[in-house]
């Protein structure tokens, strides 16, 4: 199952639990557990949708053209 599909299902479940909780059909004793379940569904959906950050490899910087010219002059024995 794709992570996006799973996240959508979790969000739908969270919305249904929230609507049930605010509708007044649920006993007062079950209100807090339903709110906690709604929060858990939402946080799980966020965790599922989280993308892994890839570490990028740093490439060595290319020296400017002036450095190459200075190195050539130094090899020849001339002053800059």
C-alpha atoms as a PDB file:
ATOM      1  CA  UNK A   1       0.000   0.000   0.000  1.00  0.00           C
ATOM      2  CA  UNK A   2       1.347   3.391  -0.914  1.00  0.00           C
ATOM      3  CA  UNK A   3       2.056   5.772   1.924  1.00  0.00           C
ATOM      4  CA  UNK A   4      -0.236   8.421   0.459  1.00  0.00           C
ATOM      5  CA  UNK A   5      -3.201   6.012   0.353  1.00  0.00           C
ATOM      6  CA  UNK A   6      -2.566   4.938   3.934  1.00  0.00           C
ATOM      7  CA  UNK A   7      -2.378   8.571   5.049  1.00  0.00           C
ATOM      8  CA  UNK A   8      -5.702   9.348   3.358  1.00  0.00           C
ATOM      9  CA  UNK A   9      -7.361   6.405   5.115  1.00  0.00           C
ATOM     10  CA  UNK A  10      -5.958   7.533   8.478  1.00  0.00           C
ATOM     11  CA  UNK A  11      -7.182  11.091   7.936  1.00  0.00           C
ATOM     12  CA  UNK A  12     -10.665   9.847   6.998  1.00  0.00           C
ATOM     13  CA  UNK A  13     -10.750   7.782  10.184  1.00  0.00           C
ATOM     14  CA  UNK A  14      -9.643  10.790  12.221  1.00  0.00           C
ATOM     15  CA  UNK A  15     -12.391  12.926  10.665  1.00  0.00           C
ATOM     16  CA  UNK A  16     -15.031  10.270  11.363  1.00  0.00           C
ATOM     17  CA  UNK A  17     -13.923   9.926  14.983  1.00  0.00           C
ATOM     18  CA  UNK A  18     -13.948  13.706  15.379  1.00  0.00           C
ATOM     19  CA  UNK A  19     -17.430  14.018  13.887  1.00  0.00           C
ATOM     20  CA  UNK A  20     -18.671  11.262  16.196  1.00  0.00           C
ATOM     21  CA  UNK A  21     -17.121  12.985  19.197  1.00  0.00           C
ATOM     22  CA  UNK A  22     -18.698  16.372  18.471  1.00  0.00           C
ATOM     23  CA  UNK A  23     -22.074  14.925  17.434  1.00  0.00           C
ATOM     24  CA  UNK A  24     -23.106  14.172  20.997  1.00  0.00           C
ATOM     25  CA  UNK A  25     -23.885  10.496  20.346  1.00  0.00           C
ATOM     26  CA  UNK A  26     -20.913   9.323  22.390  1.00  0.00           C
ATOM     27  CA  UNK A  27     -20.971   8.935  26.160  1.00  0.00           C
ATOM     28  CA  UNK A  28     -18.955  11.487  28.085  1.00  0.00           C
ATOM     29  CA  UNK A  29     -16.636   8.755  29.405  1.00  0.00           C
ATOM     30  CA  UNK A  30     -15.604   7.844  25.838  1.00  0.00           C
ATOM     31  CA  UNK A  31     -15.053  11.402  24.665  1.00  0.00           C
ATOM     32  CA  UNK A  32     -11.427  11.733  25.736  1.00  0.00           C
ATOM     33  CA  UNK A  33     -10.333   8.346  24.311  1.00  0.00           C
ATOM     34  CA  UNK A  34     -11.961   9.250  20.986  1.00  0.00           C
ATOM     35  CA  UNK A  35     -10.146  12.584  20.932  1.00  0.00           C
ATOM     36  CA  UNK A  36      -6.876  10.804  21.675  1.00  0.00           C
ATOM     37  CA  UNK A  37      -7.592   8.305  18.883  1.00  0.00           C
ATOM     38  CA  UNK A  38      -8.265  11.215  16.500  1.00  0.00           C
ATOM     39  CA  UNK A  39      -4.952  12.781  17.452  1.00  0.00           C
ATOM     40  CA  UNK A  40      -3.168   9.444  17.041  1.00  0.00           C
ATOM     41  CA  UNK A  41      -4.631   8.969  13.542  1.00  0.00           C
ATOM     42  CA  UNK A  42      -3.541  12.453  12.495  1.00  0.00           C
ATOM     43  CA  UNK A  43      -0.016  12.071  13.866  1.00  0.00           C
ATOM     44  CA  UNK A  44       0.327   8.655  12.247  1.00  0.00           C
ATOM     45  CA  UNK A  45      -0.754  10.144   8.909  1.00  0.00           C
ATOM     46  CA  UNK A  46       1.901  12.843   9.259  1.00  0.00           C
ATOM     47  CA  UNK A  47       4.517  10.223  10.082  1.00  0.00           C
ATOM     48  CA  UNK A  48       3.508   8.129   7.063  1.00  0.00           C
ATOM     49  CA  UNK A  49       3.739  11.128   4.739  1.00  0.00           C
ATOM     50  CA  UNK A  50       7.122  12.215   6.080  1.00  0.00           C
ATOM     51  CA  UNK A  51       9.774  11.893   3.415  1.00  0.00           C
ATOM     52  CA  UNK A  52      13.260  10.737   4.177  1.00  0.00           C
ATOM     53  CA  UNK A  53      15.866  13.378   3.666  1.00  0.00           C
ATOM     54  CA  UNK A  54      18.673  12.179   1.476  1.00  0.00           C
ATOM     55  CA  UNK A  55      22.167  13.239   2.266  1.00  0.00           C
ATOM     56  CA  UNK A  56      23.782  14.873  -0.700  1.00  0.00           C
ATOM     57  CA  UNK A  57      27.411  14.254  -1.347  1.00  0.00           C
ATOM     58  CA  UNK A  58      29.431  17.421  -1.604  1.00  0.00           C
ATOM     59  CA  UNK A  59      31.432  17.608  -4.761  1.00  0.00           C
ATOM     60  CA  UNK A  60      34.851  19.165  -4.564  1.00  0.00           C
ATOM     61  CA  UNK A  61      34.729  22.701  -5.838  1.00  0.00           C
ATOM     62  CA  UNK A  62      36.355  23.443  -9.108  1.00  0.00           C
ATOM     63  CA  UNK A  63      39.088  26.051  -8.609  1.00  0.00           C
ATOM     64  CA  UNK A  64      38.677  29.314 -10.514  1.00  0.00           C
ATOM     65  CA  UNK A  65      40.628  29.807 -13.735  1.00  0.00           C
ATOM     66  CA  UNK A  66      42.966  32.306 -12.040  1.00  0.00           C
ATOM     67  CA  UNK A  67      44.326  29.563  -9.790  1.00  0.00           C
ATOM     68  CA  UNK A  68      45.289  27.478 -12.806  1.00  0.00           C
ATOM     69  CA  UNK A  69      47.093  30.435 -14.384  1.00  0.00           C
ATOM     70  CA  UNK A  70      48.973  31.185 -11.162  1.00  0.00           C
ATOM     71  CA  UNK A  71      49.990  27.528 -10.846  1.00  0.00           C
ATOM     72  CA  UNK A  72      51.276  27.515 -14.444  1.00  0.00           C
ATOM     73  CA  UNK A  73      53.325  30.663 -13.785  1.00  0.00           C
ATOM     74  CA  UNK A  74      54.718  29.175 -10.592  1.00  0.00           C
ATOM     75  CA  UNK A  75      55.732  26.024 -12.463  1.00  0.00           C
ATOM     76  CA  UNK A  76      57.541  28.137 -15.050  1.00  0.00           C
ATOM     77  CA  UNK A  77      59.296  30.105 -12.353  1.00  0.00           C
ATOM     78  CA  UNK A  78      57.781  33.503 -13.151  1.00  0.00           C
ATOM     79  CA  UNK A  79      56.502  35.955 -10.558  1.00  0.00           C
ATOM     80  CA  UNK A  80      52.760  36.652 -10.537  1.00  0.00           C
END
